[in-house]
């Protein structure tokens, strides 16, 4: 039986301490996981646009109160753009 591919997770938060804490918790649960970080909604959209099928994010952790655009609005824009999340 083939081992499943480790999860690829995008963590988006404008506070570095929160981002780092979330990444640490994810990596404690899934040591082989790959975490990318974003500090604003433009970075989230750019990272998702740059990902391909092989590197697609399995999950996105979004801050609900990022400056400029909150996590729910980011999610709405991703869905409008036809991105699978």
Protein backbone atom coordinates (compact mmCIF):
# COMPACT_ATOMS: atom_id res chain seq x y z
CA UNK A 1 0.00 0.00 0.00
CA UNK A 2 1.34 3.41 -0.97
CA UNK A 3 1.69 6.07 1.73
CA UNK A 4 -0.55 9.10 1.24
CA UNK A 5 1.08 12.33 0.16
CA UNK A 6 1.72 14.69 3.11
CA UNK A 7 -0.72 17.58 3.31
CA UNK A 8 0.11 20.93 1.72
CA UNK A 9 -1.44 23.68 3.87
CA UNK A 10 -1.60 27.45 3.41
CA UNK A 11 -1.68 29.44 6.66
CA UNK A 12 -2.85 33.05 6.30
CA UNK A 13 -2.66 35.47 9.21
CA UNK A 14 -1.36 39.01 9.49
CA UNK A 15 0.18 38.31 12.92
CA UNK A 16 3.49 36.44 12.70
CA UNK A 17 3.12 34.85 16.15
CA UNK A 18 -0.27 33.40 15.21
CA UNK A 19 1.03 32.12 11.86
CA UNK A 20 4.04 30.51 13.54
CA UNK A 21 1.87 28.92 16.25
CA UNK A 22 -0.55 27.48 13.71
CA UNK A 23 2.31 26.10 11.62
CA UNK A 24 3.85 24.50 14.72
CA UNK A 25 0.55 22.81 15.59
CA UNK A 26 0.10 21.53 12.05
CA UNK A 27 3.64 20.20 11.90
CA UNK A 28 3.23 18.52 15.29
CA UNK A 29 0.14 16.70 13.98
CA UNK A 30 1.59 15.97 10.52
CA UNK A 31 5.42 16.10 10.71
CA UNK A 32 5.78 15.62 6.95
CA UNK A 33 3.32 18.39 6.10
CA UNK A 34 4.30 21.32 3.94
CA UNK A 35 3.10 24.69 5.22
CA UNK A 36 3.22 27.92 3.29
CA UNK A 37 2.42 31.24 4.88
CA UNK A 38 0.70 34.40 3.73
CA UNK A 39 0.23 37.64 5.64
CA UNK A 40 -2.52 39.26 3.57
CA UNK A 41 -5.22 38.41 1.08
CA UNK A 42 -3.10 39.37 -1.95
CA UNK A 43 -0.49 36.80 -0.88
CA UNK A 44 -3.20 34.17 -0.42
CA UNK A 45 -4.56 34.74 -3.91
CA UNK A 46 -1.07 34.81 -5.46
CA UNK A 47 -0.02 31.55 -3.79
CA UNK A 48 -3.20 29.80 -4.85
CA UNK A 49 -2.90 31.11 -8.41
CA UNK A 50 0.73 29.94 -8.55
CA UNK A 51 -0.09 26.41 -7.33
CA UNK A 52 -0.68 23.63 -9.81
CA UNK A 53 -2.53 20.33 -9.42
CA UNK A 54 0.53 18.59 -7.98
CA UNK A 55 1.08 21.34 -5.39
CA UNK A 56 -2.55 22.26 -4.72
CA UNK A 57 -3.32 23.12 -1.11
CA UNK A 58 -5.20 20.46 0.82
CA UNK A 59 -6.35 23.06 3.34
CA UNK A 60 -6.23 26.80 3.91
CA UNK A 61 -6.27 28.30 7.41
CA UNK A 62 -7.61 31.87 7.11
CA UNK A 63 -7.56 34.66 9.69
CA UNK A 64 -11.07 36.06 10.04
CA UNK A 65 -9.80 39.60 10.66
CA UNK A 66 -6.96 40.34 8.23
CA UNK A 67 -6.56 43.96 7.17
CA UNK A 68 -7.99 44.79 3.78
CA UNK A 69 -10.08 41.65 3.45
CA UNK A 70 -11.20 39.15 6.06
CA UNK A 71 -10.92 35.39 5.68
CA UNK A 72 -14.59 34.90 4.78
CA UNK A 73 -14.33 37.42 1.95
CA UNK A 74 -11.14 35.72 0.72
CA UNK A 75 -13.01 32.41 0.70
CA UNK A 76 -15.88 33.99 -1.21
CA UNK A 77 -13.48 35.43 -3.82
CA UNK A 78 -11.74 32.07 -4.20
CA UNK A 79 -15.06 30.38 -4.87
CA UNK A 80 -16.10 33.11 -7.34
CA UNK A 81 -12.80 32.54 -9.17
CA UNK A 82 -13.63 28.83 -9.43
CA UNK A 83 -10.86 27.74 -7.07
CA UNK A 84 -11.43 24.49 -5.19
CA UNK A 85 -11.08 24.97 -1.46
